[in-house]
Amino acid sequence: MYREEATFYRAALLLGLIRGDAVVRWSDAVLAADPDAPAAFVEIAATPSDDLSAMRHALYPLCDDRESTAVIRRIIGLVGQDLADTRRSFDDSVRVLSQIRRFLKLDASTDDRLKALLVDVWRAHQEPGGDRAATEARVREWLAETASATAP
């Protein structure tokens, strides 16, 4: 019941997309609403919100071993939202997208598309005459499409 949400929070913490206090708030809300909540929620609630390693460790018993497509889309949507809201620069967003490829288990289609975008970004920055603006627009468009695929 809580696996997908816990998996999302664990991945988002790894990538620096959320803060530990968001996980503690989620845990507190679950404990308040569900008298049969798994014991792991007590450990999460008691973990210092600034100790991200301990927080990820506390989340682990609730998590799936592999991030679902929905979790991946939600993570990518969060990157897109942070970029759109200027909480993260384009270069930092690309760095996070690269980390997503390295640290999360993506389906082949998402991995291929993300790899192609990252190669395009690299080329636009390295090659003379690289069209950075067009490449950035493609990345922003892909992020927006992914985010809209997760919207309720």
C-alpha atoms as a PDB file:
ATOM      1  CA  MET A   1       0.000   0.000   0.000  1.00  0.00           C
ATOM      2  CA  TYR A   2       2.852   2.397   0.826  1.00  0.00           C
ATOM      3  CA  ARG A   3       5.544   0.853  -1.368  1.00  0.00           C
ATOM      4  CA  GLU A   4       5.345   3.186  -4.342  1.00  0.00           C
ATOM      5  CA  GLU A   5       5.333   6.335  -2.220  1.00  0.00           C
ATOM      6  CA  ALA A   6       8.261   5.087  -0.110  1.00  0.00           C
ATOM      7  CA  THR A   7      10.168   4.156  -3.269  1.00  0.00           C
ATOM      8  CA  PHE A   8       9.541   7.650  -4.652  1.00  0.00           C
ATOM      9  CA  TYR A   9      10.769   9.327  -1.471  1.00  0.00           C
ATOM     10  CA  ARG A  10      13.873   7.142  -1.285  1.00  0.00           C
ATOM     11  CA  ALA A  11      14.842   7.924  -4.894  1.00  0.00           C
ATOM     12  CA  ALA A  12      14.035  11.632  -4.506  1.00  0.00           C
ATOM     13  CA  LEU A  13      16.253  11.827  -1.419  1.00  0.00           C
ATOM     14  CA  LEU A  14      19.092  10.104  -3.273  1.00  0.00           C
ATOM     15  CA  LEU A  15      18.869  12.669  -6.055  1.00  0.00           C
ATOM     16  CA  GLY A  16      18.511  15.669  -3.738  1.00  0.00           C
ATOM     17  CA  LEU A  17      15.062  16.524  -5.106  1.00  0.00           C
ATOM     18  CA  ILE A  18      13.340  16.661  -1.729  1.00  0.00           C
ATOM     19  CA  ARG A  19      14.333  17.311   1.849  1.00  0.00           C
ATOM     20  CA  GLY A  20      14.089  14.861   4.699  1.00  0.00           C
ATOM     21  CA  ASP A  21      11.419  16.901   6.455  1.00  0.00           C
ATOM     22  CA  ALA A  22       8.996  16.067   3.615  1.00  0.00           C
ATOM     23  CA  VAL A  23       9.501  12.369   4.343  1.00  0.00           C
ATOM     24  CA  VAL A  24       8.996  12.912   8.073  1.00  0.00           C
ATOM     25  CA  ARG A  25       5.744  14.811   7.371  1.00  0.00           C
ATOM     26  CA  TRP A  26       4.554  11.934   5.170  1.00  0.00           C
ATOM     27  CA  SER A  27       5.436   9.405   7.877  1.00  0.00           C
ATOM     28  CA  ASP A  28       3.679  11.457  10.558  1.00  0.00           C
ATOM     29  CA  ALA A  29       0.552  11.692   8.382  1.00  0.00           C
ATOM     30  CA  VAL A  30       0.538   7.925   7.792  1.00  0.00           C
ATOM     31  CA  LEU A  31       0.976   7.211  11.505  1.00  0.00           C
ATOM     32  CA  ALA A  32      -1.874   9.606  12.348  1.00  0.00           C
ATOM     33  CA  ALA A  33      -4.224   8.071   9.773  1.00  0.00           C
ATOM     34  CA  ASP A  34      -3.365   4.363   9.899  1.00  0.00           C
ATOM     35  CA  PRO A  35      -3.215   2.576  13.263  1.00  0.00           C
ATOM     36  CA  ASP A  36      -1.877  -0.512  11.441  1.00  0.00           C
ATOM     37  CA  ALA A  37       0.949   1.316   9.645  1.00  0.00           C
ATOM     38  CA  PRO A  38       4.139  -0.737   9.343  1.00  0.00           C
ATOM     39  CA  ALA A  39       6.702  -0.224  12.116  1.00  0.00           C
ATOM     40  CA  ALA A  40       9.110   1.326   9.623  1.00  0.00           C
ATOM     41  CA  PHE A  41       7.036   4.514   9.797  1.00  0.00           C
ATOM     42  CA  VAL A  42       7.964   4.961  13.452  1.00  0.00           C
ATOM     43  CA  GLU A  43      11.640   4.701  12.533  1.00  0.00           C
ATOM     44  CA  ILE A  44      11.180   7.207   9.696  1.00  0.00           C
ATOM     45  CA  ALA A  45       9.390   9.643  12.002  1.00  0.00           C
ATOM     46  CA  ALA A  46      12.187   9.318  14.574  1.00  0.00           C
ATOM     47  CA  THR A  47      15.002   9.816  12.059  1.00  0.00           C
ATOM     48  CA  PRO A  48      16.596  13.285  11.981  1.00  0.00           C
ATOM     49  CA  SER A  49      15.360  14.961   8.817  1.00  0.00           C
ATOM     50  CA  ASP A  50      18.850  16.167   7.905  1.00  0.00           C
ATOM     51  CA  ASP A  51      20.381  12.658   8.034  1.00  0.00           C
ATOM     52  CA  LEU A  52      19.522  11.607   4.490  1.00  0.00           C
ATOM     53  CA  SER A  53      21.449   8.331   4.622  1.00  0.00           C
ATOM     54  CA  ALA A  54      19.590   7.257   7.767  1.00  0.00           C
ATOM     55  CA  MET A  55      16.326   8.408   6.221  1.00  0.00           C
ATOM     56  CA  ARG A  56      16.948   6.339   3.085  1.00  0.00           C
ATOM     57  CA  HIS A  57      17.873   3.377   5.294  1.00  0.00           C
ATOM     58  CA  ALA A  58      14.650   3.771   7.302  1.00  0.00           C
ATOM     59  CA  LEU A  59      12.601   3.881   4.084  1.00  0.00           C
ATOM     60  CA  TYR A  60      14.199   0.755   2.631  1.00  0.00           C
ATOM     61  CA  PRO A  61      11.919  -1.870   4.258  1.00  0.00           C
ATOM     62  CA  LEU A  62       8.911  -0.177   2.651  1.00  0.00           C
ATOM     63  CA  CYS A  63      10.438   0.137  -0.833  1.00  0.00           C
ATOM     64  CA  ASP A  64      10.361  -1.879  -3.999  1.00  0.00           C
ATOM     65  CA  ASP A  65      13.738  -3.035  -5.295  1.00  0.00           C
ATOM     66  CA  ARG A  66      13.040  -1.387  -8.637  1.00  0.00           C
ATOM     67  CA  GLU A  67      11.453   1.990  -9.228  1.00  0.00           C
ATOM     68  CA  SER A  68       8.175   1.631 -11.132  1.00  0.00           C
ATOM     69  CA  THR A  69       7.510   3.558 -14.325  1.00  0.00           C
ATOM     70  CA  ALA A  70       5.151   5.778 -12.326  1.00  0.00           C
ATOM     71  CA  VAL A  71       7.885   6.575  -9.774  1.00  0.00           C
ATOM     72  CA  ILE A  72      10.398   7.343 -12.535  1.00  0.00           C
ATOM     73  CA  ARG A  73       7.926   9.627 -14.295  1.00  0.00           C
ATOM     74  CA  ARG A  74       7.174  11.376 -11.021  1.00  0.00           C
ATOM     75  CA  ILE A  75      10.892  11.891 -10.327  1.00  0.00           C
ATOM     76  CA  ILE A  76      11.467  13.268 -13.825  1.00  0.00           C
ATOM     77  CA  GLY A  77       8.388  15.439 -13.435  1.00  0.00           C
ATOM     78  CA  LEU A  78       9.871  16.866 -10.230  1.00  0.00           C
ATOM     79  CA  VAL A  79      13.101  17.722 -12.075  1.00  0.00           C
ATOM     80  CA  GLY A  80      11.024  19.485 -14.733  1.00  0.00           C
ATOM     81  CA  GLN A  81       9.001  21.390 -12.147  1.00  0.00           C
ATOM     82  CA  ASP A  82      12.134  22.524 -10.316  1.00  0.00           C
ATOM     83  CA  LEU A  83      13.583  23.752 -13.620  1.00  0.00           C
ATOM     84  CA  ALA A  84      10.366  25.514 -14.632  1.00  0.00           C
ATOM     85  CA  ASP A  85      10.107  27.180 -11.217  1.00  0.00           C
ATOM     86  CA  THR A  86      13.820  28.156 -11.362  1.00  0.00           C
ATOM     87  CA  ARG A  87      14.599  26.211  -8.178  1.00  0.00           C
ATOM     88  CA  ARG A  88      17.282  24.478 -10.248  1.00  0.00           C
ATOM     89  CA  SER A  89      19.316  25.748 -13.195  1.00  0.00           C
ATOM     90  CA  PHE A  90      19.339  24.001 -16.551  1.00  0.00           C
ATOM     91  CA  ASP A  91      22.867  22.667 -16.010  1.00  0.00           C
ATOM     92  CA  ASP A  92      21.974  21.363 -12.541  1.00  0.00           C
ATOM     93  CA  SER A  93      18.827  19.752 -13.963  1.00  0.00           C
ATOM     94  CA  VAL A  94      20.915  17.990 -16.607  1.00  0.00           C
ATOM     95  CA  ARG A  95      23.223  16.788 -13.831  1.00  0.00           C
ATOM     96  CA  VAL A  96      20.226  15.298 -11.993  1.00  0.00           C
ATOM     97  CA  LEU A  97      18.966  13.677 -15.198  1.00  0.00           C
ATOM     98  CA  SER A  98      22.387  12.094 -15.637  1.00  0.00           C
ATOM     99  CA  GLN A  99      22.230  10.806 -12.059  1.00  0.00           C
ATOM    100  CA  ILE A 100      18.793   9.350 -12.761  1.00  0.00           C
ATOM    101  CA  ARG A 101      20.331   7.276 -15.556  1.00  0.00           C
ATOM    102  CA  ARG A 102      23.165   6.117 -13.298  1.00  0.00           C
ATOM    103  CA  PHE A 103      21.300   5.460 -10.055  1.00  0.00           C
ATOM    104  CA  LEU A 104      17.752   4.382 -10.969  1.00  0.00           C
ATOM    105  CA  LYS A 105      16.526   1.382 -12.908  1.00  0.00           C
ATOM    106  CA  LEU A 106      14.839   2.809 -15.994  1.00  0.00           C
ATOM    107  CA  ASP A 107      12.792   1.022 -18.594  1.00  0.00           C
ATOM    108  CA  ALA A 108      14.576   0.737 -21.941  1.00  0.00           C
ATOM    109  CA  SER A 109      12.480   3.391 -23.680  1.00  0.00           C
ATOM    110  CA  THR A 110      12.999   6.040 -20.986  1.00  0.00           C
ATOM    111  CA  ASP A 111      16.686   5.186 -20.724  1.00  0.00           C
ATOM    112  CA  ASP A 112      17.184   5.479 -24.490  1.00  0.00           C
ATOM    113  CA  ARG A 113      15.345   8.810 -24.694  1.00  0.00           C
ATOM    114  CA  LEU A 114      17.177  10.249 -21.714  1.00  0.00           C
ATOM    115  CA  LYS A 115      20.539   9.074 -23.044  1.00  0.00           C
ATOM    116  CA  ALA A 116      19.828  10.710 -26.417  1.00  0.00           C
ATOM    117  CA  LEU A 117      18.893  13.989 -24.726  1.00  0.00           C
ATOM    118  CA  LEU A 118      22.021  13.964 -22.580  1.00  0.00           C
ATOM    119  CA  VAL A 119      24.199  13.291 -25.635  1.00  0.00           C
ATOM    120  CA  ASP A 120      22.486  16.200 -27.422  1.00  0.00           C
ATOM    121  CA  VAL A 121      23.212  18.483 -24.462  1.00  0.00           C
ATOM    122  CA  TRP A 122      26.839  17.410 -24.376  1.00  0.00           C
ATOM    123  CA  ARG A 123      27.232  17.990 -28.124  1.00  0.00           C
ATOM    124  CA  ALA A 124      25.554  21.393 -27.949  1.00  0.00           C
ATOM    125  CA  HIS A 125      28.061  22.450 -25.290  1.00  0.00           C
ATOM    126  CA  GLN A 126      31.155  20.875 -26.845  1.00  0.00           C
ATOM    127  CA  GLU A 127      30.844  21.248 -30.583  1.00  0.00           C
ATOM    128  CA  PRO A 128      31.411  24.586 -32.302  1.00  0.00           C
ATOM    129  CA  GLY A 129      28.120  25.932 -33.522  1.00  0.00           C
ATOM    130  CA  GLY A 130      26.140  23.673 -31.167  1.00  0.00           C
ATOM    131  CA  ASP A 131      22.594  24.941 -30.793  1.00  0.00           C
ATOM    132  CA  ARG A 132      22.260  25.176 -27.020  1.00  0.00           C
ATOM    133  CA  ALA A 133      18.913  26.952 -27.113  1.00  0.00           C
ATOM    134  CA  ALA A 134      17.268  24.298 -29.294  1.00  0.00           C
ATOM    135  CA  THR A 135      18.730  21.504 -27.191  1.00  0.00           C
ATOM    136  CA  GLU A 136      17.558  23.109 -23.971  1.00  0.00           C
ATOM    137  CA  ALA A 137      14.096  23.522 -25.492  1.00  0.00           C
ATOM    138  CA  ARG A 138      14.000  19.785 -26.354  1.00  0.00           C
ATOM    139  CA  VAL A 139      14.969  18.856 -22.806  1.00  0.00           C
ATOM    140  CA  ARG A 140      12.359  21.199 -21.335  1.00  0.00           C
ATOM    141  CA  GLU A 141       9.721  19.789 -23.704  1.00  0.00           C
ATOM    142  CA  TRP A 142      10.562  16.208 -22.714  1.00  0.00           C
ATOM    143  CA  LEU A 143      10.421  17.114 -19.028  1.00  0.00           C
ATOM    144  CA  ALA A 144       7.040  18.801 -19.502  1.00  0.00           C
ATOM    145  CA  GLU A 145       5.668  15.825 -21.460  1.00  0.00           C
ATOM    146  CA  THR A 146       6.840  13.456 -18.768  1.00  0.00           C
ATOM    147  CA  ALA A 147       5.344  15.609 -16.025  1.00  0.00           C
ATOM    148  CA  SER A 148       2.001  15.811 -17.849  1.00  0.00           C
ATOM    149  CA  ALA A 149       1.985  12.001 -18.133  1.00  0.00           C
ATOM    150  CA  THR A 150       1.998  11.847 -14.306  1.00  0.00           C
ATOM    151  CA  ALA A 151      -0.637  14.509 -13.702  1.00  0.00           C
ATOM    152  CA  PRO A 152      -3.830  13.177 -12.089  1.00  0.00           C
END
